[in-house]
């Protein structure tokens, strides 16, 4: 889903930078997008029953006009960028997998263990079913190590 959106965003940034170069303005600098939450799990294609979400949770480290263009592109597919995404807590050591890279930006997705720890710690009631399903499917050692490091009591999900 996101590949096409990122490709369109890339074309837009290239056009904007071309127009800015002609007018003598400041170009949009290289930026990063880090996809989080339910969308990250869907993009990684984790084997869990995920509910369809309309929001894209992502750390988008760029100018507001780029965020707005990302939101516009998402709205074409009945999604939207969550402008409050910067408030999402993720483990400080979260690792990401690159989804898209160009001369203008890099987009990556948080690995599932980090997303699931975030969901379990910050919204356990809302994510109980998801966490239980994950626990039933033999979680990775990384997940258990993160749970221990962040004091997550997994028994609260049973």
C-alpha atoms as a PDB file:
ATOM      1  CA  UNK A   1       0.000   0.000   0.000  1.00  0.00           C
ATOM      2  CA  UNK A   2       2.643   2.525   1.015  1.00  0.00           C
ATOM      3  CA  UNK A   3       5.064   1.899  -1.851  1.00  0.00           C
ATOM      4  CA  UNK A   4       2.833   3.719  -4.355  1.00  0.00           C
ATOM      5  CA  UNK A   5       2.215   6.587  -1.912  1.00  0.00           C
ATOM      6  CA  UNK A   6       5.961   6.987  -1.331  1.00  0.00           C
ATOM      7  CA  UNK A   7       6.631   6.929  -5.074  1.00  0.00           C
ATOM      8  CA  UNK A   8       4.047   9.693  -5.625  1.00  0.00           C
ATOM      9  CA  UNK A   9       5.468  11.712  -2.726  1.00  0.00           C
ATOM     10  CA  UNK A  10       8.940  11.354  -4.201  1.00  0.00           C
ATOM     11  CA  UNK A  11       7.782  12.697  -7.585  1.00  0.00           C
ATOM     12  CA  UNK A  12       6.065  15.625  -5.842  1.00  0.00           C
ATOM     13  CA  UNK A  13       9.188  16.502  -3.814  1.00  0.00           C
ATOM     14  CA  UNK A  14      11.310  16.356  -6.961  1.00  0.00           C
ATOM     15  CA  UNK A  15       8.882  18.710  -8.744  1.00  0.00           C
ATOM     16  CA  UNK A  16       8.729  21.060  -5.758  1.00  0.00           C
ATOM     17  CA  UNK A  17      12.510  21.199  -5.537  1.00  0.00           C
ATOM     18  CA  UNK A  18      12.710  21.905  -9.264  1.00  0.00           C
ATOM     19  CA  UNK A  19      10.227  24.751  -8.961  1.00  0.00           C
ATOM     20  CA  UNK A  20      12.029  26.126  -5.915  1.00  0.00           C
ATOM     21  CA  UNK A  21      15.399  25.980  -7.666  1.00  0.00           C
ATOM     22  CA  UNK A  22      13.947  28.041 -10.519  1.00  0.00           C
ATOM     23  CA  UNK A  23      12.526  30.660  -8.160  1.00  0.00           C
ATOM     24  CA  UNK A  24      15.580  30.797  -5.893  1.00  0.00           C
ATOM     25  CA  UNK A  25      13.833  29.399  -2.801  1.00  0.00           C
ATOM     26  CA  UNK A  26      14.977  26.815  -0.295  1.00  0.00           C
ATOM     27  CA  UNK A  27      14.746  23.191  -1.424  1.00  0.00           C
ATOM     28  CA  UNK A  28      13.047  20.503   0.649  1.00  0.00           C
ATOM     29  CA  UNK A  29      15.951  18.775   2.393  1.00  0.00           C
ATOM     30  CA  UNK A  30      16.354  15.008   2.641  1.00  0.00           C
ATOM     31  CA  UNK A  31      13.910  13.628   5.229  1.00  0.00           C
ATOM     32  CA  UNK A  32      12.809  10.416   6.916  1.00  0.00           C
ATOM     33  CA  UNK A  33       9.488   8.688   7.478  1.00  0.00           C
ATOM     34  CA  UNK A  34       9.303   5.966  10.135  1.00  0.00           C
ATOM     35  CA  UNK A  35       6.063   3.990   9.963  1.00  0.00           C
ATOM     36  CA  UNK A  36       4.697   2.741  13.285  1.00  0.00           C
ATOM     37  CA  UNK A  37       1.630   1.042  14.719  1.00  0.00           C
ATOM     38  CA  UNK A  38      -0.884  -1.109  12.919  1.00  0.00           C
ATOM     39  CA  UNK A  39       0.302   0.024   9.497  1.00  0.00           C
ATOM     40  CA  UNK A  40       3.854  -1.104  10.302  1.00  0.00           C
ATOM     41  CA  UNK A  41       2.535  -4.548  11.205  1.00  0.00           C
ATOM     42  CA  UNK A  42       0.526  -4.702   7.973  1.00  0.00           C
ATOM     43  CA  UNK A  43       3.476  -3.557   5.825  1.00  0.00           C
ATOM     44  CA  UNK A  44       5.750  -6.188   7.393  1.00  0.00           C
ATOM     45  CA  UNK A  45       2.947  -8.690   6.701  1.00  0.00           C
ATOM     46  CA  UNK A  46       2.999 -10.200  10.155  1.00  0.00           C
ATOM     47  CA  UNK A  47       0.775 -13.253  10.540  1.00  0.00           C
ATOM     48  CA  UNK A  48      -1.794 -11.692  12.875  1.00  0.00           C
ATOM     49  CA  UNK A  49      -5.430 -10.714  12.445  1.00  0.00           C
ATOM     50  CA  UNK A  50      -5.096  -6.969  12.056  1.00  0.00           C
ATOM     51  CA  UNK A  51      -8.017  -4.586  11.944  1.00  0.00           C
ATOM     52  CA  UNK A  52      -8.098  -2.072   9.114  1.00  0.00           C
ATOM     53  CA  UNK A  53      -6.947   1.322  10.318  1.00  0.00           C
ATOM     54  CA  UNK A  54      -7.564   4.613   8.549  1.00  0.00           C
ATOM     55  CA  UNK A  55      -4.623   6.374  10.188  1.00  0.00           C
ATOM     56  CA  UNK A  56      -0.983   6.200   9.238  1.00  0.00           C
ATOM     57  CA  UNK A  57       1.065   6.488  12.404  1.00  0.00           C
ATOM     58  CA  UNK A  58       4.560   7.602  11.492  1.00  0.00           C
ATOM     59  CA  UNK A  59       7.379   9.771  12.657  1.00  0.00           C
ATOM     60  CA  UNK A  60       7.665  12.125   9.683  1.00  0.00           C
ATOM     61  CA  UNK A  61      10.740  14.283  10.105  1.00  0.00           C
ATOM     62  CA  UNK A  62      10.244  17.021   7.545  1.00  0.00           C
ATOM     63  CA  UNK A  63       8.526  20.299   6.764  1.00  0.00           C
ATOM     64  CA  UNK A  64       4.792  20.681   7.377  1.00  0.00           C
ATOM     65  CA  UNK A  65       4.020  21.036   3.674  1.00  0.00           C
ATOM     66  CA  UNK A  66       5.519  17.587   3.069  1.00  0.00           C
ATOM     67  CA  UNK A  67       3.392  16.128   5.861  1.00  0.00           C
ATOM     68  CA  UNK A  68       0.352  17.780   4.314  1.00  0.00           C
ATOM     69  CA  UNK A  69       1.176  16.346   0.882  1.00  0.00           C
ATOM     70  CA  UNK A  70       1.588  12.887   2.447  1.00  0.00           C
ATOM     71  CA  UNK A  71      -1.841  13.287   4.056  1.00  0.00           C
ATOM     72  CA  UNK A  72      -3.349  14.395   0.710  1.00  0.00           C
ATOM     73  CA  UNK A  73      -1.936  11.327  -1.034  1.00  0.00           C
ATOM     74  CA  UNK A  74      -3.206   9.029   1.725  1.00  0.00           C
ATOM     75  CA  UNK A  75      -6.692  10.527   1.527  1.00  0.00           C
ATOM     76  CA  UNK A  76      -6.904   9.378  -2.097  1.00  0.00           C
ATOM     77  CA  UNK A  77      -6.941   5.815  -0.732  1.00  0.00           C
ATOM     78  CA  UNK A  78      -9.242   6.619   2.215  1.00  0.00           C
ATOM     79  CA  UNK A  79      -6.416   6.891   4.727  1.00  0.00           C
ATOM     80  CA  UNK A  80      -4.930   9.821   6.577  1.00  0.00           C
ATOM     81  CA  UNK A  81      -1.710  10.797   8.258  1.00  0.00           C
ATOM     82  CA  UNK A  82      -2.062  11.068  12.030  1.00  0.00           C
ATOM     83  CA  UNK A  83      -0.508  14.466  12.761  1.00  0.00           C
ATOM     84  CA  UNK A  84      -0.210  13.451  16.435  1.00  0.00           C
ATOM     85  CA  UNK A  85       2.105  10.547  15.587  1.00  0.00           C
ATOM     86  CA  UNK A  86       5.078  12.335  17.143  1.00  0.00           C
ATOM     87  CA  UNK A  87       3.463  11.586  20.530  1.00  0.00           C
ATOM     88  CA  UNK A  88       3.621   7.804  20.027  1.00  0.00           C
ATOM     89  CA  UNK A  89       6.005   6.068  22.382  1.00  0.00           C
ATOM     90  CA  UNK A  90       8.378   3.527  20.889  1.00  0.00           C
ATOM     91  CA  UNK A  91      11.284   1.763  22.618  1.00  0.00           C
ATOM     92  CA  UNK A  92      14.428   3.864  22.327  1.00  0.00           C
ATOM     93  CA  UNK A  93      16.265   1.037  20.540  1.00  0.00           C
ATOM     94  CA  UNK A  94      13.554   0.440  17.934  1.00  0.00           C
ATOM     95  CA  UNK A  95      14.922  -0.993  14.709  1.00  0.00           C
ATOM     96  CA  UNK A  96      13.469  -0.225  11.295  1.00  0.00           C
ATOM     97  CA  UNK A  97      13.412  -1.917   7.885  1.00  0.00           C
ATOM     98  CA  UNK A  98      13.728   0.332   4.831  1.00  0.00           C
ATOM     99  CA  UNK A  99      10.637   0.326   2.604  1.00  0.00           C
ATOM    100  CA  UNK A 100      11.578   3.082   0.180  1.00  0.00           C
ATOM    101  CA  UNK A 101      14.710   5.105  -0.455  1.00  0.00           C
ATOM    102  CA  UNK A 102      15.469   7.839  -2.945  1.00  0.00           C
ATOM    103  CA  UNK A 103      17.664  10.933  -3.203  1.00  0.00           C
ATOM    104  CA  UNK A 104      14.900  12.890  -1.482  1.00  0.00           C
ATOM    105  CA  UNK A 105      13.809  10.723   1.445  1.00  0.00           C
ATOM    106  CA  UNK A 106      13.902   7.371   3.165  1.00  0.00           C
ATOM    107  CA  UNK A 107      10.838   5.563   4.488  1.00  0.00           C
ATOM    108  CA  UNK A 108      11.144   2.679   6.895  1.00  0.00           C
ATOM    109  CA  UNK A 109       8.889   0.546   9.044  1.00  0.00           C
ATOM    110  CA  UNK A 110       9.343  -0.377  12.704  1.00  0.00           C
ATOM    111  CA  UNK A 111       9.995  -4.064  13.248  1.00  0.00           C
ATOM    112  CA  UNK A 112       6.989  -5.879  14.722  1.00  0.00           C
ATOM    113  CA  UNK A 113       8.451  -6.731  18.134  1.00  0.00           C
ATOM    114  CA  UNK A 114       8.942  -3.039  18.890  1.00  0.00           C
ATOM    115  CA  UNK A 115       5.462  -2.110  17.684  1.00  0.00           C
ATOM    116  CA  UNK A 116       3.895  -4.866  19.762  1.00  0.00           C
ATOM    117  CA  UNK A 117       5.820  -3.877  22.896  1.00  0.00           C
ATOM    118  CA  UNK A 118       4.669  -0.287  22.397  1.00  0.00           C
ATOM    119  CA  UNK A 119       1.057  -1.409  22.010  1.00  0.00           C
ATOM    120  CA  UNK A 120       1.264  -3.755  25.015  1.00  0.00           C
ATOM    121  CA  UNK A 121       2.792  -1.129  27.291  1.00  0.00           C
ATOM    122  CA  UNK A 122       0.842   1.957  26.262  1.00  0.00           C
ATOM    123  CA  UNK A 123      -2.605   0.547  25.412  1.00  0.00           C
ATOM    124  CA  UNK A 124      -2.848  -2.974  26.873  1.00  0.00           C
ATOM    125  CA  UNK A 125      -6.643  -3.105  27.070  1.00  0.00           C
ATOM    126  CA  UNK A 126      -7.153  -1.933  23.496  1.00  0.00           C
ATOM    127  CA  UNK A 127      -4.498  -4.338  22.188  1.00  0.00           C
ATOM    128  CA  UNK A 128      -5.174  -7.354  24.422  1.00  0.00           C
ATOM    129  CA  UNK A 129      -6.516  -9.589  21.639  1.00  0.00           C
ATOM    130  CA  UNK A 130      -3.629  -8.715  19.327  1.00  0.00           C
ATOM    131  CA  UNK A 131      -1.007  -9.390  22.009  1.00  0.00           C
ATOM    132  CA  UNK A 132      -2.670 -12.668  23.016  1.00  0.00           C
ATOM    133  CA  UNK A 133      -2.691 -13.803  19.402  1.00  0.00           C
ATOM    134  CA  UNK A 134       0.983 -12.921  19.064  1.00  0.00           C
ATOM    135  CA  UNK A 135       1.867 -14.732  22.289  1.00  0.00           C
ATOM    136  CA  UNK A 136       0.045 -17.830  21.042  1.00  0.00           C
ATOM    137  CA  UNK A 137       2.208 -17.875  17.891  1.00  0.00           C
ATOM    138  CA  UNK A 138       5.598 -18.298  19.591  1.00  0.00           C
ATOM    139  CA  UNK A 139       6.996 -14.782  20.019  1.00  0.00           C
ATOM    140  CA  UNK A 140      10.631 -14.062  19.267  1.00  0.00           C
ATOM    141  CA  UNK A 141      13.354 -13.835  21.889  1.00  0.00           C
ATOM    142  CA  UNK A 142      13.597 -10.138  21.016  1.00  0.00           C
ATOM    143  CA  UNK A 143       9.988  -9.619  22.110  1.00  0.00           C
ATOM    144  CA  UNK A 144      10.610 -11.384  25.436  1.00  0.00           C
ATOM    145  CA  UNK A 145      13.835  -9.427  25.991  1.00  0.00           C
ATOM    146  CA  UNK A 146      12.014  -6.145  25.318  1.00  0.00           C
ATOM    147  CA  UNK A 147       9.170  -7.151  27.640  1.00  0.00           C
ATOM    148  CA  UNK A 148      11.677  -7.848  30.397  1.00  0.00           C
ATOM    149  CA  UNK A 149      13.676  -4.675  29.758  1.00  0.00           C
ATOM    150  CA  UNK A 150      10.549  -2.497  29.926  1.00  0.00           C
ATOM    151  CA  UNK A 151       8.916  -4.317  32.843  1.00  0.00           C
ATOM    152  CA  UNK A 152       5.973  -5.639  30.831  1.00  0.00           C
ATOM    153  CA  UNK A 153       4.049  -8.276  32.806  1.00  0.00           C
ATOM    154  CA  UNK A 154       2.791 -10.604  30.086  1.00  0.00           C
ATOM    155  CA  UNK A 155       0.528 -12.425  32.551  1.00  0.00           C
ATOM    156  CA  UNK A 156      -1.827  -9.426  32.455  1.00  0.00           C
ATOM    157  CA  UNK A 157      -2.865 -10.526  28.960  1.00  0.00           C
ATOM    158  CA  UNK A 158      -4.074 -13.981  30.070  1.00  0.00           C
END
